[in-house]
C-alpha atoms as a PDB file:
ATOM      1  CA  MET A   1     113.948  92.399 110.418  1.00  0.00           C
ATOM      2  CA  THR A   2     112.405  95.640 110.316  1.00  0.00           C
ATOM      3  CA  ALA A   3     108.676  96.180 109.947  1.00  0.00           C
ATOM      4  CA  VAL A   4     107.699  99.141 107.987  1.00  0.00           C
ATOM      5  CA  PRO A   5     104.426 100.604 108.184  1.00  0.00           C
ATOM      6  CA  ALA A   6     102.043 100.341 105.128  1.00  0.00           C
ATOM      7  CA  LEU A   7      99.401 102.216 103.848  1.00  0.00           C
ATOM      8  CA  LYS A   8      96.985  99.755 105.514  1.00  0.00           C
ATOM      9  CA  SER A   9      97.684  98.559 108.955  1.00  0.00           C
ATOM     10  CA  GLU A  10      96.511  95.030 108.125  1.00  0.00           C
ATOM     11  CA  THR A  11      98.968  94.812 105.308  1.00  0.00           C
ATOM     12  CA  PRO A  12     102.652  93.687 106.983  1.00  0.00           C
ATOM     13  CA  THR A  13     105.689  95.133 104.901  1.00  0.00           C
ATOM     14  CA  VAL A  14     108.779  93.399 105.696  1.00  0.00           C
ATOM     15  CA  CYS A  15     112.704  94.365 104.762  1.00  0.00           C
ATOM     16  CA  ILE A  16     115.072  91.993 105.069  1.00  0.00           C
ATOM     17  CA  THR A  17     118.525  93.710 105.880  1.00  0.00           C
ATOM     18  CA  CYS A  18     120.839  90.927 106.843  1.00  0.00           C
ATOM     19  CA  HIS A  19     121.356  86.969 106.514  1.00  0.00           C
ATOM     20  CA  GLU A  20     119.716  86.781 110.168  1.00  0.00           C
ATOM     21  CA  ASP A  21     116.449  88.534 109.155  1.00  0.00           C
ATOM     22  CA  TYR A  22     116.506  86.183 105.693  1.00  0.00           C
ATOM     23  CA  CYS A  23     116.875  82.955 107.570  1.00  0.00           C
ATOM     24  CA  TYR A  24     114.047  83.889 110.150  1.00  0.00           C
ATOM     25  CA  ALA A  25     112.150  84.749 107.035  1.00  0.00           C
ATOM     26  CA  ARG A  26     112.377  81.701 105.861  1.00  0.00           C
ATOM     27  CA  GLN A  27     111.523  79.758 109.092  1.00  0.00           C
ATOM     28  CA  ARG A  28     108.790  82.072 109.542  1.00  0.00           C
ATOM     29  CA  ILE A  29     107.451  81.150 106.077  1.00  0.00           C
ATOM     30  CA  GLY A  30     107.682  77.227 106.980  1.00  0.00           C
ATOM     31  CA  GLU A  31     105.520  78.173 110.256  1.00  0.00           C
ATOM     32  CA  ILE A  32     103.042  79.389 107.991  1.00  0.00           C
ATOM     33  CA  GLU A  33     102.908  77.957 105.085  1.00  0.00           C
ATOM     34  CA  ASP A  34      99.150  76.742 105.525  1.00  0.00           C
ATOM     35  CA  ALA A  35      97.784  79.903 106.266  1.00  0.00           C
ATOM     36  CA  LYS A  36      94.128  80.324 105.156  1.00  0.00           C
ATOM     37  CA  PRO A  37      93.183  82.476 102.616  1.00  0.00           C
ATOM     38  CA  ASP A  38      92.113  86.465 103.389  1.00  0.00           C
ATOM     39  CA  THR A  39      94.145  86.026 106.388  1.00  0.00           C
ATOM     40  CA  LEU A  40      96.703  88.326 108.123  1.00  0.00           C
ATOM     41  CA  GLU A  41      98.987  85.024 108.115  1.00  0.00           C
ATOM     42  CA  GLU A  42      98.726  84.699 104.313  1.00  0.00           C
ATOM     43  CA  LEU A  43      99.608  88.679 103.834  1.00  0.00           C
ATOM     44  CA  GLU A  44     102.620  88.152 106.094  1.00  0.00           C
ATOM     45  CA  ARG A  45     103.767  85.057 104.161  1.00  0.00           C
ATOM     46  CA  ALA A  46     103.115  87.158 100.472  1.00  0.00           C
ATOM     47  CA  ALA A  47     104.923  90.077 102.238  1.00  0.00           C
ATOM     48  CA  LEU A  48     107.775  87.583 103.411  1.00  0.00           C
ATOM     49  CA  LYS A  49     108.549  85.836 100.127  1.00  0.00           C
ATOM     50  CA  ALA A  50     108.419  89.369  98.451  1.00  0.00           C
ATOM     51  CA  ALA A  51     111.298  90.540 100.804  1.00  0.00           C
ATOM     52  CA  ILE A  52     113.137  87.269 100.540  1.00  0.00           C
ATOM     53  CA  LEU A  53     113.261  87.604  96.671  1.00  0.00           C
ATOM     54  CA  ALA A  54     114.027  90.987  96.911  1.00  0.00           C
ATOM     55  CA  TYR A  55     116.786  90.099  99.199  1.00  0.00           C
ATOM     56  CA  GLU A  56     118.176  87.530  97.171  1.00  0.00           C
ATOM     57  CA  GLY A  57     118.090  89.618  94.148  1.00  0.00           C
ATOM     58  CA  ARG A  58     120.330  91.956  95.961  1.00  0.00           C
ATOM     59  CA  GLU A  59     122.504  89.534  97.238  1.00  0.00           C
ATOM     60  CA  ALA A  60     123.075  88.126  93.789  1.00  0.00           C
ATOM     61  CA  SER A  61     123.901  91.218  92.258  1.00  0.00           C
ATOM     62  CA  PRO A  62     127.321  92.161  91.441  1.00  0.00           C
ATOM     63  CA  THR A  63     127.261  95.434  93.086  1.00  0.00           C
ATOM     64  CA  GLY A  64     125.972  93.219  96.543  1.00  0.00           C
END
């Protein structure tokens, strides 16, 4: 999984490029599912969820 520098260093940005990254992201979300509000883990969870949705959208598209 590739972490991309974001505008704010405390805001994680995630790019899922393969199925292995996708599986790891889903596993990591399970590990931090109970993250407290306003924590880095909550930001990480949100970034992972967004990356997962983007990856699933790319995989579902006919051009893949």
